[in-house]
N, C-alpha and C. Protein backbone atom coordinates (compact mmCIF):
# COMPACT_ATOMS: atom_id res chain seq x y z
N UNK A 1 -30.54 36.79 -1.82
CA UNK A 1 -30.23 35.51 -1.22
C UNK A 1 -30.63 34.38 -2.16
N UNK A 2 -29.76 33.36 -2.23
CA UNK A 2 -30.15 32.16 -2.97
C UNK A 2 -30.32 31.00 -2.00
N UNK A 3 -31.32 30.16 -2.30
CA UNK A 3 -31.62 28.99 -1.48
C UNK A 3 -31.08 27.77 -2.21
N UNK A 4 -30.23 27.03 -1.52
CA UNK A 4 -29.55 25.88 -2.12
C UNK A 4 -29.97 24.61 -1.39
N UNK A 5 -30.46 23.63 -2.13
CA UNK A 5 -30.74 22.33 -1.55
C UNK A 5 -29.50 21.46 -1.65
N UNK A 6 -29.19 20.75 -0.57
CA UNK A 6 -28.02 19.85 -0.55
C UNK A 6 -28.49 18.47 -0.11
N UNK A 7 -28.28 17.48 -0.97
CA UNK A 7 -28.72 16.13 -0.65
C UNK A 7 -27.73 15.12 -1.22
N UNK A 8 -28.05 13.85 -1.01
CA UNK A 8 -27.18 12.78 -1.49
C UNK A 8 -27.57 11.50 -0.80
N UNK A 9 -27.01 10.40 -1.26
CA UNK A 9 -27.29 9.11 -0.64
C UNK A 9 -26.64 9.00 0.72
N UNK A 10 -27.08 8.00 1.48
CA UNK A 10 -26.50 7.77 2.79
C UNK A 10 -25.01 7.48 2.67
N UNK A 11 -24.22 8.08 3.57
CA UNK A 11 -22.77 7.87 3.62
C UNK A 11 -22.04 8.37 2.38
N UNK A 12 -22.66 9.32 1.67
CA UNK A 12 -21.96 9.94 0.53
C UNK A 12 -21.13 11.15 0.97
N UNK A 13 -21.42 11.68 2.14
CA UNK A 13 -20.62 12.80 2.64
C UNK A 13 -21.28 14.15 2.57
N UNK A 14 -22.61 14.20 2.50
CA UNK A 14 -23.26 15.51 2.38
C UNK A 14 -23.05 16.37 3.61
N UNK A 15 -22.93 15.77 4.78
CA UNK A 15 -22.69 16.56 5.99
C UNK A 15 -21.30 17.19 5.97
N UNK A 16 -20.33 16.48 5.42
CA UNK A 16 -18.98 17.04 5.28
C UNK A 16 -19.01 18.22 4.30
N UNK A 17 -19.77 18.06 3.22
CA UNK A 17 -19.92 19.16 2.26
C UNK A 17 -20.60 20.35 2.92
N UNK A 18 -21.63 20.08 3.72
CA UNK A 18 -22.32 21.16 4.42
C UNK A 18 -21.37 21.89 5.36
N UNK A 19 -20.56 21.14 6.09
CA UNK A 19 -19.61 21.76 7.02
C UNK A 19 -18.62 22.64 6.27
N UNK A 20 -18.18 22.18 5.11
CA UNK A 20 -17.22 22.95 4.32
C UNK A 20 -17.88 24.21 3.77
N UNK A 21 -19.11 24.11 3.30
CA UNK A 21 -19.83 25.29 2.81
C UNK A 21 -20.02 26.30 3.94
N UNK A 22 -20.31 25.81 5.13
CA UNK A 22 -20.45 26.69 6.29
C UNK A 22 -19.13 27.40 6.59
N UNK A 23 -18.04 26.65 6.53
CA UNK A 23 -16.72 27.23 6.79
C UNK A 23 -16.39 28.32 5.78
N UNK A 24 -16.85 28.13 4.54
CA UNK A 24 -16.56 29.11 3.48
C UNK A 24 -17.46 30.34 3.56
N UNK A 25 -18.55 30.25 4.32
CA UNK A 25 -19.38 31.44 4.50
C UNK A 25 -20.86 31.27 4.26
N UNK A 26 -21.30 30.08 3.87
CA UNK A 26 -22.74 29.86 3.68
C UNK A 26 -23.42 29.62 5.03
N UNK A 27 -24.69 29.94 5.09
CA UNK A 27 -25.51 29.56 6.25
C UNK A 27 -26.14 28.21 5.94
N UNK A 28 -26.11 27.30 6.90
CA UNK A 28 -26.60 25.93 6.67
C UNK A 28 -27.72 25.60 7.64
N UNK A 29 -28.81 25.10 7.10
CA UNK A 29 -29.92 24.57 7.90
C UNK A 29 -29.86 23.05 7.77
N UNK A 30 -29.70 22.37 8.90
CA UNK A 30 -29.53 20.92 8.92
C UNK A 30 -30.87 20.25 9.24
N UNK A 31 -31.44 19.55 8.26
CA UNK A 31 -32.74 18.90 8.46
C UNK A 31 -32.68 17.86 9.57
N UNK A 32 -31.53 17.21 9.75
CA UNK A 32 -31.43 16.19 10.79
C UNK A 32 -31.57 16.82 12.18
N UNK A 33 -30.98 18.00 12.35
CA UNK A 33 -31.14 18.71 13.62
C UNK A 33 -32.60 19.10 13.84
N UNK A 34 -33.25 19.56 12.77
CA UNK A 34 -34.66 19.93 12.89
C UNK A 34 -35.51 18.70 13.20
N UNK A 35 -35.14 17.55 12.60
CA UNK A 35 -35.88 16.31 12.85
C UNK A 35 -35.78 15.92 14.32
N UNK A 36 -34.61 16.11 14.91
CA UNK A 36 -34.46 15.84 16.35
C UNK A 36 -35.32 16.80 17.17
N UNK A 37 -35.34 18.06 16.74
CA UNK A 37 -36.07 19.08 17.50
C UNK A 37 -37.57 18.81 17.50
N UNK A 38 -38.12 18.43 16.35
CA UNK A 38 -39.58 18.30 16.28
C UNK A 38 -40.11 17.10 17.07
N UNK A 39 -39.23 16.11 17.35
CA UNK A 39 -39.69 14.95 18.12
C UNK A 39 -39.19 14.99 19.57
N UNK A 40 -38.79 16.16 20.04
CA UNK A 40 -38.43 16.30 21.45
C UNK A 40 -39.68 16.04 22.30
N UNK A 41 -39.50 15.43 23.48
CA UNK A 41 -40.64 15.21 24.37
C UNK A 41 -41.39 16.52 24.62
N UNK A 42 -42.70 16.43 24.60
CA UNK A 42 -43.53 17.61 24.79
C UNK A 42 -44.05 18.18 23.49
N UNK A 43 -43.40 17.83 22.37
CA UNK A 43 -43.89 18.27 21.07
C UNK A 43 -44.90 17.27 20.51
N UNK A 44 -45.87 17.76 19.72
CA UNK A 44 -46.90 16.85 19.20
C UNK A 44 -46.33 15.67 18.42
N UNK A 45 -45.25 15.89 17.66
CA UNK A 45 -44.69 14.80 16.86
C UNK A 45 -44.16 13.67 17.73
N UNK A 46 -43.66 14.01 18.92
CA UNK A 46 -43.18 12.97 19.84
C UNK A 46 -44.31 12.02 20.19
N UNK A 47 -45.44 12.61 20.58
CA UNK A 47 -46.59 11.79 20.96
C UNK A 47 -47.07 10.94 19.79
N UNK A 48 -47.06 11.51 18.59
CA UNK A 48 -47.54 10.78 17.42
C UNK A 48 -46.60 9.63 17.06
N UNK A 49 -45.29 9.85 17.18
CA UNK A 49 -44.32 8.79 16.88
C UNK A 49 -44.49 7.64 17.87
N UNK A 50 -44.61 7.96 19.16
CA UNK A 50 -44.75 6.91 20.16
C UNK A 50 -46.08 6.16 19.96
N UNK A 51 -47.14 6.89 19.63
CA UNK A 51 -48.44 6.24 19.39
C UNK A 51 -48.36 5.30 18.20
N UNK A 52 -47.61 5.68 17.16
CA UNK A 52 -47.53 4.87 15.95
C UNK A 52 -46.59 3.68 16.10
N UNK A 53 -45.43 3.90 16.78
CA UNK A 53 -44.38 2.87 16.78
C UNK A 53 -44.22 2.16 18.13
N UNK A 54 -44.87 2.67 19.16
CA UNK A 54 -44.84 1.99 20.45
C UNK A 54 -43.73 2.46 21.37
N UNK A 55 -43.80 2.03 22.65
CA UNK A 55 -42.82 2.50 23.65
C UNK A 55 -41.40 2.01 23.42
N UNK A 56 -41.21 1.02 22.55
CA UNK A 56 -39.85 0.52 22.30
C UNK A 56 -38.97 1.56 21.62
N UNK A 57 -39.57 2.62 21.04
CA UNK A 57 -38.75 3.65 20.38
C UNK A 57 -38.41 4.79 21.32
N UNK A 58 -38.75 4.65 22.61
CA UNK A 58 -38.39 5.67 23.60
C UNK A 58 -37.18 5.16 24.38
N UNK A 59 -36.13 5.97 24.42
CA UNK A 59 -34.90 5.60 25.12
C UNK A 59 -35.07 5.82 26.63
N UNK A 60 -34.06 5.38 27.38
CA UNK A 60 -34.10 5.50 28.84
C UNK A 60 -34.19 6.95 29.30
N UNK A 61 -33.68 7.88 28.48
CA UNK A 61 -33.72 9.29 28.88
C UNK A 61 -35.05 9.96 28.52
N UNK A 62 -35.99 9.17 27.97
CA UNK A 62 -37.30 9.73 27.66
C UNK A 62 -37.42 10.31 26.27
N UNK A 63 -36.31 10.34 25.52
CA UNK A 63 -36.34 10.86 24.16
C UNK A 63 -36.51 9.70 23.17
N UNK A 64 -36.74 10.07 21.91
CA UNK A 64 -36.85 9.05 20.88
C UNK A 64 -35.50 8.35 20.70
N UNK A 65 -35.52 7.03 20.68
CA UNK A 65 -34.33 6.22 20.42
C UNK A 65 -34.20 6.12 18.90
N UNK A 66 -33.36 6.96 18.33
CA UNK A 66 -33.27 7.07 16.87
C UNK A 66 -32.77 5.76 16.24
N UNK A 67 -31.87 5.06 16.91
CA UNK A 67 -31.37 3.80 16.36
C UNK A 67 -32.49 2.76 16.30
N UNK A 68 -33.29 2.68 17.36
CA UNK A 68 -34.41 1.73 17.38
C UNK A 68 -35.43 2.08 16.31
N UNK A 69 -35.72 3.36 16.17
CA UNK A 69 -36.67 3.80 15.15
C UNK A 69 -36.14 3.52 13.75
N UNK A 70 -34.83 3.74 13.55
CA UNK A 70 -34.23 3.48 12.23
C UNK A 70 -34.33 2.01 11.86
N UNK A 71 -34.15 1.12 12.83
CA UNK A 71 -34.25 -0.32 12.53
C UNK A 71 -35.65 -0.66 12.03
N UNK A 72 -36.65 0.00 12.58
CA UNK A 72 -38.03 -0.26 12.15
C UNK A 72 -38.28 0.29 10.75
N UNK A 73 -37.95 1.55 10.54
CA UNK A 73 -38.37 2.20 9.29
C UNK A 73 -37.53 1.77 8.10
N UNK A 74 -36.29 1.33 8.33
CA UNK A 74 -35.48 0.89 7.19
C UNK A 74 -35.84 -0.53 6.76
N UNK A 75 -36.64 -1.23 7.56
CA UNK A 75 -37.05 -2.58 7.17
C UNK A 75 -38.51 -2.63 6.73
N UNK A 76 -39.20 -1.48 6.77
CA UNK A 76 -40.63 -1.47 6.47
C UNK A 76 -41.00 -0.15 5.78
N UNK A 77 -41.17 -0.19 4.45
CA UNK A 77 -41.49 1.05 3.72
C UNK A 77 -42.74 1.75 4.24
N UNK A 78 -43.72 0.98 4.68
CA UNK A 78 -44.93 1.58 5.22
C UNK A 78 -44.66 2.35 6.50
N UNK A 79 -43.80 1.78 7.35
CA UNK A 79 -43.45 2.46 8.59
C UNK A 79 -42.66 3.73 8.30
N UNK A 80 -41.79 3.64 7.31
CA UNK A 80 -41.01 4.82 6.95
C UNK A 80 -41.92 5.94 6.43
N UNK A 81 -42.88 5.59 5.61
CA UNK A 81 -43.82 6.58 5.09
C UNK A 81 -44.63 7.20 6.23
N UNK A 82 -45.00 6.37 7.21
CA UNK A 82 -45.77 6.89 8.35
C UNK A 82 -44.94 7.88 9.16
N UNK A 83 -43.66 7.56 9.37
CA UNK A 83 -42.78 8.47 10.11
C UNK A 83 -42.62 9.79 9.35
N UNK A 84 -42.41 9.68 8.04
CA UNK A 84 -42.24 10.90 7.23
C UNK A 84 -43.49 11.76 7.25
N UNK A 85 -44.66 11.13 7.26
CA UNK A 85 -45.91 11.89 7.30
C UNK A 85 -46.04 12.68 8.60
N UNK A 86 -45.49 12.12 9.68
CA UNK A 86 -45.54 12.80 10.97
C UNK A 86 -44.52 13.94 11.03
N UNK A 87 -43.31 13.67 10.57
CA UNK A 87 -42.22 14.62 10.81
C UNK A 87 -41.99 15.64 9.70
N UNK A 88 -42.16 15.25 8.44
CA UNK A 88 -41.75 16.13 7.35
C UNK A 88 -42.45 17.48 7.32
N UNK A 89 -43.77 17.54 7.48
CA UNK A 89 -44.40 18.87 7.46
C UNK A 89 -43.85 19.79 8.55
N UNK A 90 -43.55 19.23 9.70
CA UNK A 90 -43.02 20.03 10.80
C UNK A 90 -41.58 20.46 10.53
N UNK A 91 -40.79 19.58 9.93
CA UNK A 91 -39.42 19.93 9.57
C UNK A 91 -39.42 21.06 8.54
N UNK A 92 -40.28 20.95 7.55
CA UNK A 92 -40.37 22.00 6.51
C UNK A 92 -40.76 23.34 7.13
N UNK A 93 -41.72 23.32 8.04
CA UNK A 93 -42.15 24.57 8.69
C UNK A 93 -41.01 25.19 9.49
N UNK A 94 -40.27 24.35 10.21
CA UNK A 94 -39.12 24.85 10.98
C UNK A 94 -38.06 25.43 10.04
N UNK A 95 -37.81 24.74 8.93
CA UNK A 95 -36.81 25.21 7.97
C UNK A 95 -37.19 26.56 7.37
N UNK A 96 -38.46 26.72 7.07
CA UNK A 96 -38.93 27.99 6.51
C UNK A 96 -38.75 29.13 7.51
N UNK A 97 -39.04 28.86 8.78
CA UNK A 97 -38.84 29.89 9.80
C UNK A 97 -37.37 30.27 9.91
N UNK A 98 -36.51 29.25 9.89
CA UNK A 98 -35.07 29.51 9.99
C UNK A 98 -34.56 30.26 8.76
N UNK A 99 -35.03 29.89 7.57
CA UNK A 99 -34.62 30.60 6.35
C UNK A 99 -35.04 32.05 6.40
N UNK A 100 -36.23 32.32 6.94
CA UNK A 100 -36.68 33.70 7.08
C UNK A 100 -35.78 34.50 8.00
N UNK A 101 -35.36 33.88 9.10
CA UNK A 101 -34.44 34.57 10.03
C UNK A 101 -33.09 34.85 9.36
N UNK A 102 -32.61 33.88 8.59
CA UNK A 102 -31.32 34.06 7.93
C UNK A 102 -31.39 35.12 6.85
N UNK A 103 -32.49 35.17 6.11
CA UNK A 103 -32.67 36.20 5.09
C UNK A 103 -32.70 37.59 5.73
N UNK A 104 -33.41 37.69 6.85
CA UNK A 104 -33.49 38.98 7.55
C UNK A 104 -32.12 39.41 8.06
N UNK A 105 -31.26 38.45 8.34
CA UNK A 105 -29.92 38.73 8.83
C UNK A 105 -28.97 39.14 7.70
N UNK A 106 -29.44 38.95 6.45
CA UNK A 106 -28.63 39.35 5.32
C UNK A 106 -27.74 38.27 4.73
N UNK A 107 -28.01 37.03 5.06
CA UNK A 107 -27.20 35.94 4.49
C UNK A 107 -27.42 35.87 2.97
N UNK A 108 -26.33 35.64 2.24
CA UNK A 108 -26.43 35.58 0.78
C UNK A 108 -26.69 34.18 0.26
N UNK A 109 -26.13 33.17 0.94
CA UNK A 109 -26.30 31.78 0.51
C UNK A 109 -26.83 30.98 1.69
N UNK A 110 -28.02 30.42 1.54
CA UNK A 110 -28.61 29.58 2.58
C UNK A 110 -28.75 28.17 2.02
N UNK A 111 -28.10 27.22 2.69
CA UNK A 111 -28.08 25.82 2.26
C UNK A 111 -28.98 25.01 3.18
N UNK A 112 -29.88 24.23 2.60
CA UNK A 112 -30.74 23.33 3.36
C UNK A 112 -30.26 21.91 3.09
N UNK A 113 -29.67 21.30 4.11
CA UNK A 113 -29.11 19.95 3.97
C UNK A 113 -30.14 18.93 4.43
N UNK A 114 -30.54 18.03 3.54
CA UNK A 114 -31.54 17.01 3.89
C UNK A 114 -31.38 15.80 3.00
N UNK A 115 -31.60 14.62 3.57
CA UNK A 115 -31.44 13.37 2.82
C UNK A 115 -32.55 13.17 1.79
N UNK A 116 -33.76 13.66 2.08
CA UNK A 116 -34.92 13.30 1.26
C UNK A 116 -35.51 14.49 0.50
N UNK A 117 -34.68 15.40 0.08
CA UNK A 117 -35.18 16.58 -0.63
C UNK A 117 -35.93 16.21 -1.90
N UNK A 118 -35.38 15.27 -2.65
CA UNK A 118 -35.99 14.89 -3.92
C UNK A 118 -37.23 14.04 -3.68
N UNK A 119 -37.09 13.05 -2.80
CA UNK A 119 -38.20 12.14 -2.53
C UNK A 119 -39.42 12.88 -1.99
N UNK A 120 -39.18 13.92 -1.21
CA UNK A 120 -40.29 14.66 -0.60
C UNK A 120 -40.91 15.70 -1.52
N UNK A 121 -40.29 15.90 -2.69
CA UNK A 121 -40.81 16.89 -3.63
C UNK A 121 -40.37 18.31 -3.34
N UNK A 122 -39.47 18.48 -2.37
CA UNK A 122 -39.04 19.82 -1.98
C UNK A 122 -37.93 20.38 -2.86
N UNK A 123 -37.29 19.53 -3.66
CA UNK A 123 -36.13 19.97 -4.44
C UNK A 123 -36.46 21.14 -5.36
N UNK A 124 -37.69 21.17 -5.86
CA UNK A 124 -38.07 22.23 -6.80
C UNK A 124 -38.19 23.60 -6.13
N UNK A 125 -38.16 23.63 -4.80
CA UNK A 125 -38.31 24.90 -4.09
C UNK A 125 -37.00 25.68 -3.98
N UNK A 126 -35.91 25.14 -4.52
CA UNK A 126 -34.59 25.76 -4.35
C UNK A 126 -34.10 26.38 -5.65
N UNK A 127 -33.23 27.37 -5.49
CA UNK A 127 -32.61 28.01 -6.65
C UNK A 127 -31.58 27.10 -7.30
N UNK A 128 -30.98 26.22 -6.50
CA UNK A 128 -29.99 25.27 -7.01
C UNK A 128 -30.04 24.02 -6.15
N UNK A 129 -29.85 22.87 -6.78
CA UNK A 129 -29.83 21.60 -6.06
C UNK A 129 -28.46 20.95 -6.24
N UNK A 130 -27.81 20.64 -5.11
CA UNK A 130 -26.50 19.99 -5.10
C UNK A 130 -26.69 18.55 -4.63
N UNK A 131 -26.16 17.60 -5.38
CA UNK A 131 -26.22 16.19 -4.99
C UNK A 131 -24.80 15.68 -4.78
N UNK A 132 -24.56 15.08 -3.62
CA UNK A 132 -23.26 14.49 -3.29
C UNK A 132 -23.36 12.99 -3.54
N UNK A 133 -22.42 12.44 -4.27
CA UNK A 133 -22.45 11.02 -4.62
C UNK A 133 -21.17 10.31 -4.18
N UNK A 134 -21.27 9.00 -4.08
CA UNK A 134 -20.12 8.13 -3.86
C UNK A 134 -20.50 6.76 -4.42
N UNK A 135 -19.52 5.95 -4.71
CA UNK A 135 -19.81 4.62 -5.23
C UNK A 135 -20.47 3.77 -4.14
N UNK A 136 -21.28 2.78 -4.53
CA UNK A 136 -21.88 1.90 -3.53
C UNK A 136 -20.85 1.23 -2.62
N UNK A 137 -19.70 0.89 -3.18
CA UNK A 137 -18.66 0.26 -2.37
C UNK A 137 -18.16 1.22 -1.29
N UNK A 138 -18.01 2.49 -1.66
CA UNK A 138 -17.59 3.50 -0.69
C UNK A 138 -18.65 3.69 0.38
N UNK A 139 -19.92 3.74 -0.04
CA UNK A 139 -21.01 3.91 0.92
C UNK A 139 -21.06 2.76 1.92
N UNK A 140 -20.94 1.52 1.42
CA UNK A 140 -20.98 0.36 2.29
C UNK A 140 -19.83 0.40 3.30
N UNK A 141 -18.64 0.75 2.82
CA UNK A 141 -17.48 0.82 3.72
C UNK A 141 -17.68 1.89 4.78
N UNK A 142 -18.21 3.04 4.39
CA UNK A 142 -18.43 4.12 5.37
C UNK A 142 -19.51 3.76 6.38
N UNK A 143 -20.56 3.10 5.91
CA UNK A 143 -21.62 2.68 6.85
C UNK A 143 -21.08 1.67 7.86
N UNK A 144 -20.22 0.79 7.39
CA UNK A 144 -19.62 -0.18 8.31
C UNK A 144 -18.77 0.51 9.36
N UNK A 145 -17.97 1.49 8.92
CA UNK A 145 -17.08 2.19 9.85
C UNK A 145 -17.86 3.11 10.78
N UNK A 146 -18.89 3.75 10.25
CA UNK A 146 -19.61 4.79 11.01
C UNK A 146 -20.66 4.21 11.95
N UNK A 147 -21.36 3.17 11.49
CA UNK A 147 -22.50 2.68 12.27
C UNK A 147 -22.36 1.22 12.68
N UNK A 148 -21.21 0.62 12.33
CA UNK A 148 -20.99 -0.76 12.75
C UNK A 148 -21.83 -1.77 12.02
N UNK A 149 -22.33 -1.42 10.82
CA UNK A 149 -23.17 -2.35 10.07
C UNK A 149 -22.30 -3.33 9.29
N UNK A 150 -22.75 -4.58 9.21
CA UNK A 150 -22.04 -5.51 8.35
C UNK A 150 -22.44 -5.23 6.89
N UNK A 151 -21.79 -5.90 5.97
CA UNK A 151 -22.00 -5.61 4.55
C UNK A 151 -23.46 -5.83 4.15
N UNK A 152 -24.06 -6.90 4.63
CA UNK A 152 -25.46 -7.20 4.27
C UNK A 152 -26.40 -6.11 4.78
N UNK A 153 -26.22 -5.71 6.03
CA UNK A 153 -27.07 -4.66 6.61
C UNK A 153 -26.86 -3.33 5.91
N UNK A 154 -25.61 -3.03 5.57
CA UNK A 154 -25.31 -1.77 4.88
C UNK A 154 -25.96 -1.74 3.50
N UNK A 155 -25.87 -2.86 2.79
CA UNK A 155 -26.49 -2.92 1.45
C UNK A 155 -28.01 -2.83 1.54
N UNK A 156 -28.57 -3.41 2.59
CA UNK A 156 -30.01 -3.31 2.81
C UNK A 156 -30.41 -1.86 3.04
N UNK A 157 -29.61 -1.13 3.80
CA UNK A 157 -29.89 0.28 4.07
C UNK A 157 -29.82 1.08 2.76
N UNK A 158 -28.85 0.78 1.92
CA UNK A 158 -28.74 1.47 0.62
C UNK A 158 -29.94 1.16 -0.26
N UNK A 159 -30.36 -0.10 -0.26
CA UNK A 159 -31.46 -0.53 -1.13
C UNK A 159 -32.78 0.13 -0.74
N UNK A 160 -32.88 0.60 0.50
CA UNK A 160 -34.12 1.24 0.97
C UNK A 160 -34.24 2.68 0.48
N UNK A 161 -33.18 3.19 -0.15
CA UNK A 161 -33.19 4.60 -0.55
C UNK A 161 -33.25 4.74 -2.07
N UNK A 162 -33.61 5.95 -2.50
CA UNK A 162 -33.59 6.26 -3.93
C UNK A 162 -32.17 6.07 -4.46
N UNK A 163 -31.99 5.41 -5.59
CA UNK A 163 -30.64 5.24 -6.15
C UNK A 163 -29.98 6.60 -6.40
N UNK A 164 -28.68 6.66 -6.15
CA UNK A 164 -27.96 7.91 -6.30
C UNK A 164 -28.04 8.43 -7.74
N UNK A 165 -28.03 7.51 -8.72
CA UNK A 165 -28.10 7.94 -10.12
C UNK A 165 -29.40 8.70 -10.40
N UNK A 166 -30.47 8.29 -9.73
CA UNK A 166 -31.74 8.99 -9.89
C UNK A 166 -31.66 10.40 -9.30
N UNK A 167 -31.00 10.52 -8.16
CA UNK A 167 -30.83 11.85 -7.56
C UNK A 167 -30.03 12.76 -8.47
N UNK A 168 -29.00 12.20 -9.08
CA UNK A 168 -28.13 12.99 -9.96
C UNK A 168 -28.92 13.59 -11.11
N UNK A 169 -29.95 12.89 -11.58
CA UNK A 169 -30.75 13.41 -12.70
C UNK A 169 -31.48 14.71 -12.35
N UNK A 170 -31.66 14.95 -11.06
CA UNK A 170 -32.34 16.17 -10.62
C UNK A 170 -31.36 17.31 -10.30
N UNK A 171 -30.07 17.01 -10.30
CA UNK A 171 -29.08 17.95 -9.76
C UNK A 171 -28.72 19.08 -10.71
N UNK A 172 -28.47 20.24 -10.12
CA UNK A 172 -27.82 21.34 -10.85
C UNK A 172 -26.31 21.25 -10.72
N UNK A 173 -25.85 20.71 -9.58
CA UNK A 173 -24.43 20.54 -9.31
C UNK A 173 -24.23 19.18 -8.66
N UNK A 174 -23.18 18.47 -9.08
CA UNK A 174 -22.87 17.15 -8.52
C UNK A 174 -21.46 17.19 -7.95
N UNK A 175 -21.32 16.71 -6.72
CA UNK A 175 -20.00 16.56 -6.09
C UNK A 175 -19.77 15.08 -5.86
N UNK A 176 -18.72 14.55 -6.48
CA UNK A 176 -18.41 13.12 -6.32
C UNK A 176 -17.37 12.98 -5.21
N UNK A 177 -17.69 12.12 -4.25
CA UNK A 177 -16.88 12.03 -3.03
C UNK A 177 -16.34 10.62 -2.82
N UNK A 178 -15.49 10.19 -3.75
CA UNK A 178 -14.80 8.92 -3.59
C UNK A 178 -13.30 9.11 -3.38
N UNK A 179 -12.85 10.36 -3.40
CA UNK A 179 -11.43 10.62 -3.29
C UNK A 179 -11.02 11.05 -1.90
N UNK A 180 -9.99 11.88 -1.85
CA UNK A 180 -9.45 12.35 -0.57
C UNK A 180 -10.26 13.54 -0.05
N UNK A 181 -10.03 13.88 1.20
CA UNK A 181 -10.70 15.06 1.77
C UNK A 181 -10.23 16.32 1.06
N UNK A 182 -8.98 16.31 0.59
CA UNK A 182 -8.48 17.48 -0.15
C UNK A 182 -9.23 17.61 -1.48
N UNK A 183 -9.49 16.49 -2.14
CA UNK A 183 -10.27 16.52 -3.38
C UNK A 183 -11.66 17.09 -3.11
N UNK A 184 -12.27 16.63 -2.02
CA UNK A 184 -13.62 17.09 -1.70
C UNK A 184 -13.63 18.59 -1.41
N UNK A 185 -12.67 19.04 -0.63
CA UNK A 185 -12.63 20.47 -0.30
C UNK A 185 -12.45 21.33 -1.54
N UNK A 186 -11.64 20.85 -2.47
CA UNK A 186 -11.45 21.59 -3.72
C UNK A 186 -12.74 21.68 -4.50
N UNK A 187 -13.49 20.59 -4.56
CA UNK A 187 -14.76 20.59 -5.28
C UNK A 187 -15.77 21.51 -4.61
N UNK A 188 -15.78 21.50 -3.29
CA UNK A 188 -16.74 22.34 -2.57
C UNK A 188 -16.37 23.82 -2.72
N UNK A 189 -15.10 24.11 -2.70
CA UNK A 189 -14.69 25.51 -2.89
C UNK A 189 -15.13 26.01 -4.27
N UNK A 190 -14.95 25.20 -5.29
CA UNK A 190 -15.39 25.59 -6.64
C UNK A 190 -16.90 25.81 -6.66
N UNK A 191 -17.64 24.93 -6.00
CA UNK A 191 -19.09 25.08 -5.92
C UNK A 191 -19.45 26.38 -5.20
N UNK A 192 -18.79 26.64 -4.08
CA UNK A 192 -19.10 27.84 -3.31
C UNK A 192 -18.86 29.10 -4.14
N UNK A 193 -17.78 29.12 -4.88
CA UNK A 193 -17.47 30.29 -5.70
C UNK A 193 -18.56 30.50 -6.76
N UNK A 194 -19.05 29.41 -7.33
CA UNK A 194 -20.14 29.50 -8.31
C UNK A 194 -21.40 30.05 -7.66
N UNK A 195 -21.73 29.54 -6.47
CA UNK A 195 -22.92 30.00 -5.77
C UNK A 195 -22.80 31.45 -5.34
N UNK A 196 -21.59 31.83 -4.86
CA UNK A 196 -21.38 33.21 -4.42
C UNK A 196 -21.51 34.20 -5.57
N UNK A 197 -21.00 33.79 -6.73
CA UNK A 197 -21.13 34.66 -7.92
C UNK A 197 -22.60 34.83 -8.28
N UNK A 198 -23.34 33.74 -8.20
CA UNK A 198 -24.76 33.82 -8.52
C UNK A 198 -25.51 34.66 -7.47
N UNK A 199 -25.15 34.51 -6.21
CA UNK A 199 -25.84 35.25 -5.15
C UNK A 199 -25.56 36.74 -5.23
N UNK A 200 -24.41 37.09 -5.82
CA UNK A 200 -24.05 38.51 -5.93
C UNK A 200 -24.67 39.21 -7.09
N UNK A 201 -25.35 38.46 -7.97
CA UNK A 201 -25.93 39.07 -9.17
C UNK A 201 -27.19 39.85 -8.83
């Protein structure tokens, strides 16, 4: 089995790449799903998040209001670091458990999709690191369409993250996603074939 890290800047399309890799036969562990799981009510991280950020981050249904929390952490690097300190160790532990289950099941390619693989220092734990990129203009347009952000807010969100060029310097494979969905699928298929060949060795 090979372990593949998949990351990229916000609105670059890494989730689309993950979906395509899954369709082609890879097993995918989604860090965002794990992040939701670890802060479910009743879990220790839920209590810690509410204690740190206050009741305003709890939605009417009793769960964490991710949009409210995002507004806080994207405007305050200290708050973002505090959130990551609460959630990241638990996300990593969940991911390791899931990878163990997938290995026992005989999966050949296991992809871990996460936005902060490089920033968290986890990138070195993988056999291959894939970075998905897009131009800043494309990212801003996608953020506007996806999350209703205006140009200023979208650029602020981009500025809060590691520059994509820096992520690329760590990559074993780069997928550029400024073209059509057909272009993207072709690039992902080529990547999958490379990974499958390596996993079969």
